[in-house]
N, C-alpha and C. Protein backbone atom coordinates (compact mmCIF):
# COMPACT_ATOMS: atom_id res chain seq x y z
N MET A 1 -13.12 12.26 10.41
CA MET A 1 -12.27 11.19 10.98
C MET A 1 -11.09 11.86 11.65
N ARG A 2 -10.84 11.46 12.87
CA ARG A 2 -9.75 12.04 13.65
C ARG A 2 -8.38 11.43 13.36
N LEU A 3 -7.37 12.15 13.80
CA LEU A 3 -6.00 11.63 13.59
C LEU A 3 -5.78 10.33 14.33
N ARG A 4 -6.35 10.21 15.53
CA ARG A 4 -6.22 9.02 16.35
C ARG A 4 -6.78 7.75 15.59
N SER A 5 -7.94 7.95 14.96
CA SER A 5 -8.54 6.83 14.22
C SER A 5 -7.72 6.40 13.05
N SER A 6 -7.17 7.44 12.33
CA SER A 6 -6.24 7.15 11.21
C SER A 6 -4.99 6.37 11.69
N PHE A 7 -4.49 6.85 12.82
CA PHE A 7 -3.28 6.19 13.33
C PHE A 7 -3.51 4.75 13.66
N LEU A 8 -4.72 4.49 14.31
CA LEU A 8 -5.06 3.10 14.68
C LEU A 8 -5.19 2.20 13.47
N LEU A 9 -5.78 2.74 12.39
CA LEU A 9 -5.95 1.98 11.17
C LEU A 9 -4.54 1.66 10.57
N ILE A 10 -3.69 2.64 10.53
CA ILE A 10 -2.34 2.44 9.99
C ILE A 10 -1.55 1.43 10.84
N ALA A 11 -1.64 1.58 12.14
CA ALA A 11 -0.96 0.70 13.08
C ALA A 11 -1.41 -0.71 12.92
N ALA A 12 -2.75 -0.94 12.74
CA ALA A 12 -3.27 -2.29 12.58
C ALA A 12 -2.71 -2.91 11.32
N ILE A 13 -2.64 -2.18 10.19
CA ILE A 13 -2.16 -2.72 8.98
C ILE A 13 -0.64 -3.02 9.05
N ILE A 14 0.11 -2.13 9.65
CA ILE A 14 1.55 -2.36 9.83
C ILE A 14 1.83 -3.57 10.65
N ILE A 15 1.13 -3.70 11.79
CA ILE A 15 1.31 -4.90 12.67
C ILE A 15 1.00 -6.21 11.92
N ALA A 16 -0.13 -6.19 11.24
CA ALA A 16 -0.50 -7.46 10.48
C ALA A 16 0.51 -7.72 9.37
N ASP A 17 0.92 -6.70 8.68
CA ASP A 17 1.89 -6.88 7.55
C ASP A 17 3.20 -7.38 8.06
N GLN A 18 3.75 -6.76 9.12
CA GLN A 18 5.08 -7.14 9.59
C GLN A 18 5.02 -8.44 10.31
N THR A 19 3.94 -8.74 11.00
CA THR A 19 3.87 -10.02 11.70
C THR A 19 3.91 -11.21 10.70
N LEU A 20 3.13 -11.06 9.64
CA LEU A 20 3.09 -12.16 8.60
C LEU A 20 4.49 -12.28 7.94
N LYS A 21 5.11 -11.12 7.66
CA LYS A 21 6.41 -11.15 7.01
C LYS A 21 7.48 -11.82 7.90
N PHE A 22 7.48 -11.49 9.22
CA PHE A 22 8.40 -12.08 10.13
C PHE A 22 8.23 -13.60 10.21
N TRP A 23 6.89 -13.99 10.31
CA TRP A 23 6.63 -15.45 10.43
C TRP A 23 7.04 -16.18 9.17
N ILE A 24 6.78 -15.62 7.98
CA ILE A 24 7.17 -16.28 6.72
C ILE A 24 8.68 -16.42 6.68
N LYS A 25 9.46 -15.33 6.97
CA LYS A 25 10.89 -15.36 6.80
C LYS A 25 11.59 -16.34 7.84
N THR A 26 11.01 -16.46 8.99
CA THR A 26 11.64 -17.29 10.04
C THR A 26 11.07 -18.68 10.07
N THR A 27 10.15 -18.97 9.17
CA THR A 27 9.52 -20.30 9.18
C THR A 27 9.80 -21.13 7.90
N PHE A 28 9.90 -20.44 6.76
CA PHE A 28 9.99 -21.14 5.46
C PHE A 28 11.25 -20.74 4.72
N PRO A 29 11.83 -21.62 3.93
CA PRO A 29 12.93 -21.23 3.03
C PRO A 29 12.33 -20.48 1.83
N PHE A 30 13.19 -19.82 1.11
CA PHE A 30 12.76 -19.12 -0.10
C PHE A 30 12.10 -20.02 -1.08
N GLY A 31 10.98 -19.54 -1.70
CA GLY A 31 10.29 -20.36 -2.68
C GLY A 31 9.34 -21.38 -2.14
N HIS A 32 9.15 -21.46 -0.79
CA HIS A 32 8.21 -22.43 -0.26
C HIS A 32 6.80 -22.03 -0.57
N VAL A 33 6.01 -23.05 -0.90
CA VAL A 33 4.59 -22.86 -1.26
C VAL A 33 3.77 -23.74 -0.33
N THR A 34 2.71 -23.18 0.24
CA THR A 34 1.84 -23.99 1.07
C THR A 34 0.37 -23.51 0.83
N ASN A 35 -0.57 -24.44 0.79
CA ASN A 35 -1.96 -24.10 0.66
C ASN A 35 -2.54 -23.64 1.99
N VAL A 36 -3.37 -22.59 1.97
CA VAL A 36 -4.03 -22.10 3.18
C VAL A 36 -5.35 -22.85 3.31
N LEU A 37 -5.51 -23.49 4.46
CA LEU A 37 -6.77 -24.27 4.74
C LEU A 37 -7.01 -25.35 3.66
N GLY A 38 -5.94 -25.83 3.04
CA GLY A 38 -6.11 -26.80 2.00
C GLY A 38 -6.65 -26.31 0.63
N LEU A 39 -6.77 -25.01 0.49
CA LEU A 39 -7.35 -24.44 -0.70
C LEU A 39 -6.34 -24.32 -1.83
N GLU A 40 -6.64 -24.79 -2.99
CA GLU A 40 -5.73 -24.70 -4.11
C GLU A 40 -5.57 -23.28 -4.63
N TRP A 41 -6.60 -22.43 -4.41
CA TRP A 41 -6.58 -21.08 -4.95
C TRP A 41 -6.08 -20.03 -3.97
N PHE A 42 -5.72 -20.44 -2.72
CA PHE A 42 -5.19 -19.50 -1.74
C PHE A 42 -3.98 -20.09 -1.15
N ARG A 43 -2.77 -19.52 -1.53
CA ARG A 43 -1.49 -20.11 -1.11
C ARG A 43 -0.60 -19.06 -0.53
N LEU A 44 0.33 -19.53 0.30
CA LEU A 44 1.45 -18.70 0.76
C LEU A 44 2.67 -19.16 -0.05
N TYR A 45 3.23 -18.18 -0.80
CA TYR A 45 4.33 -18.48 -1.70
C TYR A 45 5.44 -17.46 -1.36
N PHE A 46 6.47 -17.90 -0.62
CA PHE A 46 7.45 -16.98 -0.08
C PHE A 46 8.47 -16.61 -1.18
N ILE A 47 8.44 -15.35 -1.54
CA ILE A 47 9.46 -14.73 -2.42
C ILE A 47 9.94 -13.46 -1.81
N GLU A 48 11.04 -12.92 -2.35
CA GLU A 48 11.53 -11.58 -2.00
C GLU A 48 11.71 -10.76 -3.20
N ASN A 49 11.32 -9.50 -3.08
CA ASN A 49 11.33 -8.60 -4.19
C ASN A 49 12.32 -7.49 -3.93
N GLU A 50 13.32 -7.45 -4.83
CA GLU A 50 14.36 -6.42 -4.64
C GLU A 50 13.98 -5.05 -5.22
N GLY A 51 12.94 -5.07 -6.10
CA GLY A 51 12.57 -3.84 -6.79
C GLY A 51 11.21 -3.36 -6.47
N MET A 52 10.44 -3.01 -7.48
CA MET A 52 9.10 -2.44 -7.35
C MET A 52 8.06 -3.59 -7.55
N ALA A 53 6.84 -3.18 -7.84
CA ALA A 53 5.75 -4.13 -8.10
C ALA A 53 6.19 -5.05 -9.23
N TRP A 54 5.72 -6.32 -9.14
CA TRP A 54 5.98 -7.37 -10.21
C TRP A 54 7.49 -7.58 -10.44
N GLY A 55 8.31 -7.24 -9.43
CA GLY A 55 9.76 -7.50 -9.47
C GLY A 55 10.53 -6.61 -10.36
N TRP A 56 9.91 -5.45 -10.79
CA TRP A 56 10.67 -4.56 -11.65
C TRP A 56 11.83 -3.91 -10.85
N LYS A 57 12.99 -3.92 -11.45
CA LYS A 57 14.13 -3.28 -10.81
C LYS A 57 15.06 -2.63 -11.85
N PHE A 58 15.86 -1.73 -11.43
CA PHE A 58 16.70 -1.02 -12.40
C PHE A 58 17.94 -0.53 -11.64
N GLY A 59 19.03 -0.40 -12.38
CA GLY A 59 20.22 0.30 -11.86
C GLY A 59 21.01 -0.43 -10.79
N GLY A 60 20.83 -1.74 -10.63
CA GLY A 60 21.64 -2.48 -9.63
C GLY A 60 21.51 -1.95 -8.24
N ASP A 61 22.67 -1.90 -7.53
CA ASP A 61 22.63 -1.41 -6.15
C ASP A 61 22.21 0.07 -6.02
N TRP A 62 22.65 0.92 -6.98
CA TRP A 62 22.26 2.29 -6.98
C TRP A 62 20.80 2.45 -7.19
N GLY A 63 20.22 1.65 -8.07
CA GLY A 63 18.80 1.71 -8.29
C GLY A 63 18.02 1.31 -7.08
N LYS A 64 18.49 0.26 -6.38
CA LYS A 64 17.84 -0.20 -5.16
C LYS A 64 17.87 0.88 -4.08
N MET A 65 19.01 1.54 -3.93
CA MET A 65 19.11 2.62 -2.90
C MET A 65 18.20 3.80 -3.27
N PHE A 66 18.19 4.12 -4.58
CA PHE A 66 17.30 5.18 -4.97
C PHE A 66 15.82 4.87 -4.68
N LEU A 67 15.43 3.59 -4.98
CA LEU A 67 14.05 3.18 -4.74
C LEU A 67 13.68 3.33 -3.28
N THR A 68 14.57 2.87 -2.42
CA THR A 68 14.34 2.96 -0.95
C THR A 68 14.21 4.42 -0.50
N LEU A 69 15.12 5.27 -1.01
CA LEU A 69 15.04 6.69 -0.64
C LEU A 69 13.80 7.31 -1.16
N PHE A 70 13.39 6.94 -2.36
CA PHE A 70 12.12 7.43 -2.92
C PHE A 70 10.95 7.05 -2.05
N ARG A 71 10.97 5.80 -1.56
CA ARG A 71 9.88 5.41 -0.68
C ARG A 71 9.90 6.19 0.63
N LEU A 72 11.14 6.50 1.10
CA LEU A 72 11.27 7.25 2.38
C LEU A 72 10.69 8.63 2.18
N VAL A 73 11.03 9.30 1.11
CA VAL A 73 10.51 10.65 0.80
C VAL A 73 8.96 10.60 0.64
N ALA A 74 8.51 9.60 0.00
CA ALA A 74 7.05 9.46 -0.16
C ALA A 74 6.33 9.29 1.19
N VAL A 75 6.89 8.54 2.09
CA VAL A 75 6.29 8.34 3.41
C VAL A 75 6.36 9.70 4.22
N ILE A 76 7.47 10.42 4.13
CA ILE A 76 7.57 11.69 4.83
C ILE A 76 6.54 12.66 4.31
N PHE A 77 6.43 12.75 2.98
CA PHE A 77 5.42 13.61 2.37
C PHE A 77 4.02 13.12 2.82
N GLY A 78 3.77 11.80 2.77
CA GLY A 78 2.48 11.24 3.13
C GLY A 78 2.09 11.57 4.58
N THR A 79 3.11 11.65 5.49
CA THR A 79 2.82 12.00 6.86
C THR A 79 2.24 13.38 6.95
N TRP A 80 2.91 14.36 6.26
CA TRP A 80 2.47 15.72 6.25
C TRP A 80 1.09 15.86 5.62
N TYR A 81 0.91 15.17 4.49
CA TYR A 81 -0.38 15.30 3.79
C TYR A 81 -1.51 14.66 4.52
N LEU A 82 -1.29 13.55 5.20
CA LEU A 82 -2.32 12.91 5.95
C LEU A 82 -2.81 13.80 7.11
N VAL A 83 -1.85 14.39 7.81
CA VAL A 83 -2.22 15.35 8.87
C VAL A 83 -2.94 16.55 8.34
N LYS A 84 -2.59 17.03 7.19
CA LYS A 84 -3.20 18.16 6.58
C LYS A 84 -4.66 17.89 6.27
N ILE A 85 -4.95 16.75 5.59
CA ILE A 85 -6.35 16.49 5.15
C ILE A 85 -7.25 16.20 6.37
N ILE A 86 -6.66 15.67 7.44
CA ILE A 86 -7.43 15.44 8.61
C ILE A 86 -7.81 16.72 9.29
N ARG A 87 -6.84 17.64 9.41
CA ARG A 87 -7.09 18.92 10.03
C ARG A 87 -8.09 19.81 9.22
N GLU A 88 -8.03 19.59 7.88
CA GLU A 88 -8.93 20.40 7.02
C GLU A 88 -10.27 19.71 6.88
N LYS A 89 -10.46 18.59 7.58
CA LYS A 89 -11.78 17.88 7.66
C LYS A 89 -12.26 17.42 6.33
N TYR A 90 -11.41 16.70 5.61
CA TYR A 90 -11.88 16.05 4.37
C TYR A 90 -12.76 14.85 4.80
N THR A 91 -13.42 14.27 3.76
CA THR A 91 -14.36 13.21 4.06
C THR A 91 -13.62 12.00 4.66
N THR A 92 -14.41 11.25 5.47
CA THR A 92 -13.87 10.03 6.11
C THR A 92 -13.37 9.04 5.04
N GLY A 93 -14.09 8.92 3.96
CA GLY A 93 -13.72 8.00 2.90
C GLY A 93 -12.35 8.36 2.32
N PHE A 94 -12.07 9.59 2.08
CA PHE A 94 -10.81 10.06 1.53
C PHE A 94 -9.68 9.81 2.53
N ILE A 95 -9.93 10.11 3.79
CA ILE A 95 -8.88 9.92 4.83
C ILE A 95 -8.57 8.43 4.98
N VAL A 96 -9.58 7.60 4.92
CA VAL A 96 -9.33 6.15 5.05
C VAL A 96 -8.56 5.65 3.88
N CYS A 97 -8.81 6.06 2.69
CA CYS A 97 -8.08 5.68 1.51
C CYS A 97 -6.62 6.14 1.61
N ALA A 98 -6.47 7.40 2.01
CA ALA A 98 -5.09 7.95 2.22
C ALA A 98 -4.32 7.18 3.27
N SER A 99 -5.01 6.78 4.36
CA SER A 99 -4.36 6.03 5.44
C SER A 99 -3.97 4.65 4.95
N LEU A 100 -4.76 4.01 4.09
CA LEU A 100 -4.43 2.70 3.53
C LEU A 100 -3.22 2.78 2.68
N ILE A 101 -3.14 3.82 1.80
CA ILE A 101 -1.98 3.97 0.92
C ILE A 101 -0.75 4.26 1.75
N TYR A 102 -0.91 5.10 2.76
CA TYR A 102 0.24 5.45 3.61
C TYR A 102 0.71 4.22 4.35
N ALA A 103 -0.16 3.45 4.92
CA ALA A 103 0.26 2.26 5.68
C ALA A 103 0.96 1.27 4.79
N GLY A 104 0.50 1.09 3.55
CA GLY A 104 1.16 0.14 2.63
C GLY A 104 2.60 0.60 2.24
N ALA A 105 2.69 1.92 1.98
CA ALA A 105 4.01 2.45 1.66
C ALA A 105 5.01 2.29 2.84
N LEU A 106 4.54 2.59 4.05
CA LEU A 106 5.34 2.46 5.24
C LEU A 106 5.75 1.00 5.50
N GLY A 107 4.81 0.09 5.30
CA GLY A 107 5.12 -1.33 5.49
C GLY A 107 6.22 -1.86 4.65
N ASN A 108 6.21 -1.49 3.34
CA ASN A 108 7.23 -1.89 2.39
C ASN A 108 8.54 -1.14 2.63
N LEU A 109 8.43 0.11 3.08
CA LEU A 109 9.66 0.87 3.43
C LEU A 109 10.44 0.21 4.57
N ILE A 110 9.75 -0.30 5.55
CA ILE A 110 10.40 -1.01 6.67
C ILE A 110 11.23 -2.13 6.10
N ASP A 111 10.69 -2.97 5.20
CA ASP A 111 11.46 -4.00 4.59
C ASP A 111 12.69 -3.53 3.92
N SER A 112 12.48 -2.49 3.08
CA SER A 112 13.62 -2.00 2.24
C SER A 112 14.72 -1.40 3.08
N MET A 113 14.36 -0.71 4.17
CA MET A 113 15.37 -0.08 4.99
C MET A 113 16.13 -1.06 5.97
N PHE A 114 15.36 -1.93 6.60
CA PHE A 114 15.90 -2.63 7.73
C PHE A 114 16.11 -4.13 7.62
N TYR A 115 15.34 -4.78 6.69
CA TYR A 115 15.38 -6.25 6.66
C TYR A 115 16.78 -6.79 6.33
N GLY A 116 17.51 -6.07 5.55
CA GLY A 116 18.89 -6.58 5.25
C GLY A 116 19.77 -6.58 6.46
N LEU A 117 19.48 -5.74 7.48
CA LEU A 117 20.25 -5.69 8.70
C LEU A 117 19.80 -6.70 9.76
N ILE A 118 18.48 -6.96 9.79
CA ILE A 118 17.99 -7.73 10.94
C ILE A 118 17.71 -9.23 10.56
N PHE A 119 17.89 -9.58 9.32
CA PHE A 119 17.69 -11.00 8.95
C PHE A 119 18.93 -11.51 8.24
N SER A 120 19.15 -12.83 8.45
CA SER A 120 20.27 -13.51 7.68
C SER A 120 19.76 -13.87 6.30
N ALA A 121 20.69 -14.22 5.44
CA ALA A 121 20.31 -14.61 4.08
C ALA A 121 19.47 -15.91 4.06
N THR A 122 18.62 -15.98 3.08
CA THR A 122 17.79 -17.22 2.92
C THR A 122 17.89 -17.68 1.50
N ASP A 123 17.72 -18.98 1.29
CA ASP A 123 17.67 -19.55 -0.06
C ASP A 123 16.66 -20.66 -0.07
N TYR A 124 16.73 -21.51 -1.08
CA TYR A 124 15.75 -22.59 -1.15
C TYR A 124 15.86 -23.69 -0.13
N ASN A 125 16.99 -23.66 0.59
CA ASN A 125 17.21 -24.65 1.65
C ASN A 125 17.43 -24.09 3.03
N THR A 126 17.43 -22.78 3.15
CA THR A 126 17.79 -22.11 4.44
C THR A 126 16.67 -21.18 4.87
N VAL A 127 16.35 -21.27 6.10
CA VAL A 127 15.34 -20.37 6.76
C VAL A 127 16.12 -19.18 7.36
N ALA A 128 15.64 -17.97 7.23
CA ALA A 128 16.35 -16.82 7.81
C ALA A 128 16.24 -16.81 9.31
N THR A 129 17.26 -16.23 9.93
CA THR A 129 17.24 -16.03 11.40
C THR A 129 17.10 -14.55 11.65
N PHE A 130 16.48 -14.28 12.77
CA PHE A 130 16.23 -12.89 13.19
C PHE A 130 17.41 -12.38 14.03
N MET A 131 17.91 -11.18 13.77
CA MET A 131 19.01 -10.53 14.45
C MET A 131 20.26 -11.35 14.48
N PRO A 132 20.75 -11.78 13.33
CA PRO A 132 22.06 -12.52 13.25
C PRO A 132 23.25 -11.61 13.52
N ASP A 133 24.43 -12.19 13.62
CA ASP A 133 25.61 -11.41 13.77
C ASP A 133 25.82 -10.47 12.59
N LYS A 134 25.46 -10.96 11.40
CA LYS A 134 25.56 -10.13 10.22
C LYS A 134 24.41 -10.36 9.31
N GLY A 135 23.75 -9.31 8.89
CA GLY A 135 22.61 -9.46 8.01
C GLY A 135 23.00 -9.70 6.60
N TYR A 136 22.00 -9.91 5.72
CA TYR A 136 22.31 -10.28 4.35
C TYR A 136 22.56 -8.98 3.46
N ALA A 137 22.30 -7.79 4.00
CA ALA A 137 22.53 -6.59 3.22
C ALA A 137 22.65 -5.37 4.15
N GLY A 138 23.04 -4.27 3.64
CA GLY A 138 23.16 -3.08 4.49
C GLY A 138 21.86 -2.30 4.57
N LEU A 139 21.95 -1.16 5.28
CA LEU A 139 20.77 -0.28 5.40
C LEU A 139 20.39 0.22 4.03
N LEU A 140 19.09 0.24 3.75
CA LEU A 140 18.48 0.68 2.51
C LEU A 140 18.43 -0.41 1.44
N TYR A 141 19.06 -1.57 1.69
CA TYR A 141 19.14 -2.58 0.64
C TYR A 141 18.35 -3.83 0.97
N GLY A 142 17.41 -3.77 1.88
CA GLY A 142 16.60 -4.94 2.18
C GLY A 142 15.63 -5.27 1.04
N HIS A 143 15.19 -6.51 1.06
CA HIS A 143 14.22 -7.03 0.07
C HIS A 143 12.84 -7.06 0.65
N VAL A 144 11.87 -6.65 -0.13
CA VAL A 144 10.44 -6.69 0.32
C VAL A 144 9.92 -8.11 0.29
N VAL A 145 9.30 -8.54 1.34
CA VAL A 145 8.82 -9.95 1.46
C VAL A 145 7.38 -10.02 0.91
N ASP A 146 7.16 -10.92 -0.02
CA ASP A 146 5.86 -11.18 -0.63
C ASP A 146 5.44 -12.61 -0.36
N MET A 147 4.16 -12.87 -0.22
CA MET A 147 3.75 -14.26 0.09
C MET A 147 2.28 -14.60 -0.30
N LEU A 148 1.46 -13.64 -0.49
CA LEU A 148 0.00 -13.93 -0.83
C LEU A 148 -0.15 -14.20 -2.30
N TYR A 149 -0.71 -15.38 -2.56
CA TYR A 149 -0.83 -15.88 -3.96
C TYR A 149 -2.19 -16.50 -4.14
N PHE A 150 -2.89 -16.03 -5.14
CA PHE A 150 -4.28 -16.47 -5.39
C PHE A 150 -4.43 -17.00 -6.86
N PRO A 151 -3.94 -18.19 -7.16
CA PRO A 151 -4.16 -18.74 -8.50
C PRO A 151 -5.57 -19.30 -8.70
N ILE A 152 -6.53 -18.40 -8.81
CA ILE A 152 -7.96 -18.74 -8.82
C ILE A 152 -8.28 -19.61 -10.05
N VAL A 153 -7.77 -19.19 -11.18
CA VAL A 153 -8.01 -19.90 -12.45
C VAL A 153 -6.65 -20.26 -13.07
N ARG A 154 -6.52 -21.57 -13.41
CA ARG A 154 -5.29 -22.00 -14.05
C ARG A 154 -5.71 -22.88 -15.23
N THR A 155 -5.40 -22.39 -16.45
CA THR A 155 -5.83 -23.09 -17.68
C THR A 155 -4.85 -22.70 -18.81
N THR A 156 -5.18 -22.99 -20.06
CA THR A 156 -4.39 -22.63 -21.15
C THR A 156 -5.22 -21.86 -22.15
N TYR A 157 -4.58 -20.97 -22.93
CA TYR A 157 -5.36 -20.28 -23.97
C TYR A 157 -5.73 -21.25 -25.10
N PRO A 158 -6.86 -21.14 -25.68
CA PRO A 158 -7.23 -22.01 -26.80
C PRO A 158 -6.28 -21.83 -28.01
N GLU A 159 -6.12 -22.88 -28.77
CA GLU A 159 -5.13 -22.86 -29.85
C GLU A 159 -5.37 -21.73 -30.86
N TRP A 160 -6.63 -21.35 -31.01
CA TRP A 160 -6.95 -20.35 -31.98
C TRP A 160 -6.72 -18.90 -31.53
N PHE A 161 -6.36 -18.77 -30.22
CA PHE A 161 -6.18 -17.41 -29.67
C PHE A 161 -4.86 -16.78 -30.21
N PRO A 162 -4.99 -15.63 -30.89
CA PRO A 162 -3.86 -14.97 -31.59
C PRO A 162 -2.66 -14.74 -30.66
N GLY A 163 -1.51 -15.34 -31.06
CA GLY A 163 -0.29 -15.10 -30.39
C GLY A 163 -0.05 -15.81 -29.08
N LEU A 164 -1.10 -16.29 -28.42
CA LEU A 164 -1.02 -16.92 -27.13
C LEU A 164 -1.58 -18.35 -27.11
N GLY A 165 -2.01 -18.85 -28.26
CA GLY A 165 -2.62 -20.15 -28.31
C GLY A 165 -1.82 -21.25 -27.73
N GLY A 166 -2.34 -22.05 -26.82
CA GLY A 166 -1.62 -23.14 -26.20
C GLY A 166 -0.79 -22.75 -24.98
N ARG A 167 -0.62 -21.47 -24.70
CA ARG A 167 0.21 -21.02 -23.54
C ARG A 167 -0.67 -21.09 -22.24
N GLU A 168 0.04 -21.20 -21.18
CA GLU A 168 -0.66 -21.23 -19.84
C GLU A 168 -1.22 -19.86 -19.50
N PHE A 169 -2.44 -19.90 -18.89
CA PHE A 169 -3.10 -18.66 -18.43
C PHE A 169 -3.41 -18.84 -16.97
N GLU A 170 -3.12 -17.85 -16.20
CA GLU A 170 -3.36 -17.92 -14.73
C GLU A 170 -3.97 -16.62 -14.24
N PHE A 171 -5.03 -16.73 -13.48
CA PHE A 171 -5.68 -15.60 -12.80
C PHE A 171 -5.92 -16.01 -11.36
N PHE A 172 -5.26 -15.48 -10.45
CA PHE A 172 -4.58 -14.20 -10.38
C PHE A 172 -3.13 -14.51 -10.04
N SER A 173 -2.19 -14.06 -10.90
CA SER A 173 -0.79 -14.54 -10.83
C SER A 173 0.14 -13.75 -9.90
N PRO A 174 -0.13 -12.44 -9.68
CA PRO A 174 0.86 -11.69 -8.84
C PRO A 174 0.98 -12.30 -7.40
N ILE A 175 2.16 -12.18 -6.85
CA ILE A 175 2.42 -12.57 -5.44
C ILE A 175 2.67 -11.23 -4.73
N PHE A 176 1.97 -11.00 -3.61
CA PHE A 176 2.07 -9.72 -3.01
C PHE A 176 1.96 -9.88 -1.48
N ASN A 177 1.91 -8.74 -0.78
CA ASN A 177 1.83 -8.79 0.69
C ASN A 177 0.70 -7.86 1.17
N ILE A 178 0.46 -7.83 2.47
CA ILE A 178 -0.61 -7.04 2.98
C ILE A 178 -0.41 -5.56 2.72
N ALA A 179 0.82 -5.08 2.74
CA ALA A 179 1.06 -3.67 2.40
C ALA A 179 0.71 -3.35 1.01
N ASP A 180 1.04 -4.25 0.04
CA ASP A 180 0.62 -4.06 -1.34
C ASP A 180 -0.89 -4.04 -1.48
N ALA A 181 -1.57 -4.93 -0.76
CA ALA A 181 -3.01 -5.01 -0.83
C ALA A 181 -3.64 -3.73 -0.25
N SER A 182 -3.03 -3.22 0.79
CA SER A 182 -3.53 -1.96 1.40
C SER A 182 -3.43 -0.81 0.38
N ILE A 183 -2.29 -0.68 -0.30
CA ILE A 183 -2.13 0.38 -1.30
C ILE A 183 -3.20 0.18 -2.45
N SER A 184 -3.30 -1.02 -2.92
CA SER A 184 -4.23 -1.28 -4.01
C SER A 184 -5.65 -0.94 -3.71
N ILE A 185 -6.09 -1.40 -2.48
CA ILE A 185 -7.47 -1.10 -2.04
C ILE A 185 -7.68 0.38 -1.92
N GLY A 186 -6.73 1.11 -1.34
CA GLY A 186 -6.83 2.54 -1.19
C GLY A 186 -6.95 3.26 -2.54
N VAL A 187 -6.08 2.92 -3.46
CA VAL A 187 -6.04 3.57 -4.77
C VAL A 187 -7.33 3.25 -5.53
N ILE A 188 -7.72 1.98 -5.64
CA ILE A 188 -8.85 1.64 -6.44
C ILE A 188 -10.14 2.21 -5.87
N THR A 189 -10.30 2.19 -4.54
CA THR A 189 -11.49 2.82 -3.91
C THR A 189 -11.52 4.31 -4.12
N LEU A 190 -10.37 4.96 -4.04
CA LEU A 190 -10.32 6.37 -4.34
C LEU A 190 -10.65 6.72 -5.76
N LEU A 191 -10.25 5.90 -6.73
CA LEU A 191 -10.57 6.12 -8.10
C LEU A 191 -12.06 5.98 -8.35
N ILE A 192 -12.66 4.98 -7.70
CA ILE A 192 -14.09 4.70 -7.91
C ILE A 192 -14.94 5.81 -7.32
N PHE A 193 -14.63 6.29 -6.15
CA PHE A 193 -15.45 7.18 -5.40
C PHE A 193 -14.85 8.59 -5.30
N GLN A 194 -13.95 8.97 -6.21
CA GLN A 194 -13.26 10.23 -6.15
C GLN A 194 -14.19 11.42 -6.09
N LYS A 195 -15.29 11.45 -6.81
CA LYS A 195 -16.21 12.58 -6.77
C LYS A 195 -16.79 12.79 -5.40
N ARG A 196 -17.05 11.66 -4.72
CA ARG A 196 -17.67 11.74 -3.42
C ARG A 196 -16.63 12.04 -2.31
N PHE A 197 -15.40 11.52 -2.47
CA PHE A 197 -14.42 11.64 -1.45
C PHE A 197 -13.60 12.89 -1.48
N LEU A 198 -13.30 13.41 -2.69
CA LEU A 198 -12.34 14.53 -2.79
C LEU A 198 -13.04 15.89 -2.53
N ARG A 199 -13.50 16.03 -1.30
CA ARG A 199 -14.07 17.26 -0.84
C ARG A 199 -13.97 17.29 0.68
N LYS A 200 -14.28 18.45 1.27
CA LYS A 200 -14.26 18.54 2.72
C LYS A 200 -15.64 18.20 3.22
N GLU A 201 -15.67 17.66 4.48
CA GLU A 201 -16.92 17.29 5.00
C GLU A 201 -17.92 18.40 5.25
N HIS A 202 -17.32 19.56 5.68
CA HIS A 202 -18.17 20.69 5.93
C HIS A 202 -17.75 21.83 5.07
N GLU A 203 -18.27 21.86 3.88
CA GLU A 203 -17.94 22.95 2.92
C GLU A 203 -18.62 24.17 3.44
N GLU A 204 -17.82 25.26 3.41
CA GLU A 204 -18.39 26.52 3.91
C GLU A 204 -19.31 27.08 2.87
N GLU A 205 -20.50 27.44 3.25
CA GLU A 205 -21.49 27.99 2.34
C GLU A 205 -21.37 29.51 2.39
N THR A 206 -21.29 30.11 1.26
CA THR A 206 -21.24 31.57 1.18
C THR A 206 -22.53 32.07 0.66
N HIS A 207 -22.98 33.17 1.30
CA HIS A 207 -24.28 33.77 0.89
C HIS A 207 -23.92 35.18 0.40
N PRO A 208 -23.97 35.44 -0.89
CA PRO A 208 -23.61 36.74 -1.44
C PRO A 208 -24.51 37.80 -0.96
N THR A 209 -23.99 38.94 -0.66
CA THR A 209 -24.71 40.14 -0.26
C THR A 209 -25.24 40.84 -1.49
N VAL A 210 -26.52 41.10 -1.54
CA VAL A 210 -27.13 41.78 -2.69
C VAL A 210 -27.15 43.24 -2.40
N GLU A 211 -26.48 43.96 -3.21
CA GLU A 211 -26.45 45.47 -3.01
C GLU A 211 -27.61 46.08 -3.81
N THR A 212 -28.14 47.10 -3.27
CA THR A 212 -29.21 47.87 -4.01
C THR A 212 -28.98 49.33 -3.82
N SER A 213 -29.44 50.02 -4.82
CA SER A 213 -29.21 51.51 -4.84
C SER A 213 -30.41 52.20 -4.20
N THR A 214 -31.42 51.43 -3.73
CA THR A 214 -32.60 52.06 -3.10
C THR A 214 -32.23 52.66 -1.75
N GLU A 215 -32.54 53.93 -1.58
CA GLU A 215 -32.26 54.59 -0.33
C GLU A 215 -33.27 54.23 0.76
N THR A 216 -32.87 54.06 1.93
CA THR A 216 -33.77 53.73 3.00
C THR A 216 -34.00 54.95 3.87
N SER A 217 -35.21 55.33 3.97
CA SER A 217 -35.54 56.50 4.76
C SER A 217 -36.22 56.12 6.02
N ASP A 218 -36.34 57.06 7.04
CA ASP A 218 -37.04 56.71 8.22
C ASP A 218 -38.49 56.40 7.97
N ARG A 219 -39.12 57.16 7.00
CA ARG A 219 -40.48 56.96 6.71
C ARG A 219 -40.75 55.55 6.07
N ALA A 220 -39.78 55.16 5.16
CA ALA A 220 -39.96 53.87 4.55
C ALA A 220 -39.88 52.73 5.49
N GLN A 221 -39.00 52.91 6.50
CA GLN A 221 -38.82 51.86 7.51
C GLN A 221 -40.09 51.72 8.33
N VAL A 222 -40.74 52.83 8.62
CA VAL A 222 -41.95 52.77 9.42
C VAL A 222 -43.06 52.11 8.63
N MET A 223 -43.16 52.41 7.37
CA MET A 223 -44.17 51.81 6.50
C MET A 223 -43.93 50.39 6.27
């Protein structure tokens, strides 16, 4: 797989991810839920994530800045590593997985770095505006936009279930974005096919030279 093909895959994911995020932020207030094509199990649920996956966060403003810088370092390292494995001709499957992970990390980094500057604040009654006089946060303090929600199964645990009897059960409950999905697909696929993917496409074959102590004479060559 060539660098150009990897770049096109990454660009396609970034464009799709950012387009959907821009549309969600400038169309709906925070917390808005809408069914896609009238389906109960496929919804757009607009939330913003200040931290990591599943809303985990730590350390207040300092923690948020550290998380954004960590994402930045990861993307810089990922750029170098992606070019490296392409030049060393690793398998197409491995490069595709690495490109998916890279694209997802870059997509969420854009939110974290710039969204606080280019969008106004939003709440349950207010839709964000693009490029306001003043954004809702400074550089590195933007919130990651999530919206994809798939509550495929919604029920309750049976009363006899230890510790959870009678409580609500939902599958699939996380709310995520295209960048998150790209990372997850890349990681899961890599884990499943790691033995096939984690090698170079054209492994150099070495043929050991067999040494012998037998002397070669002119007569032996003739015979």
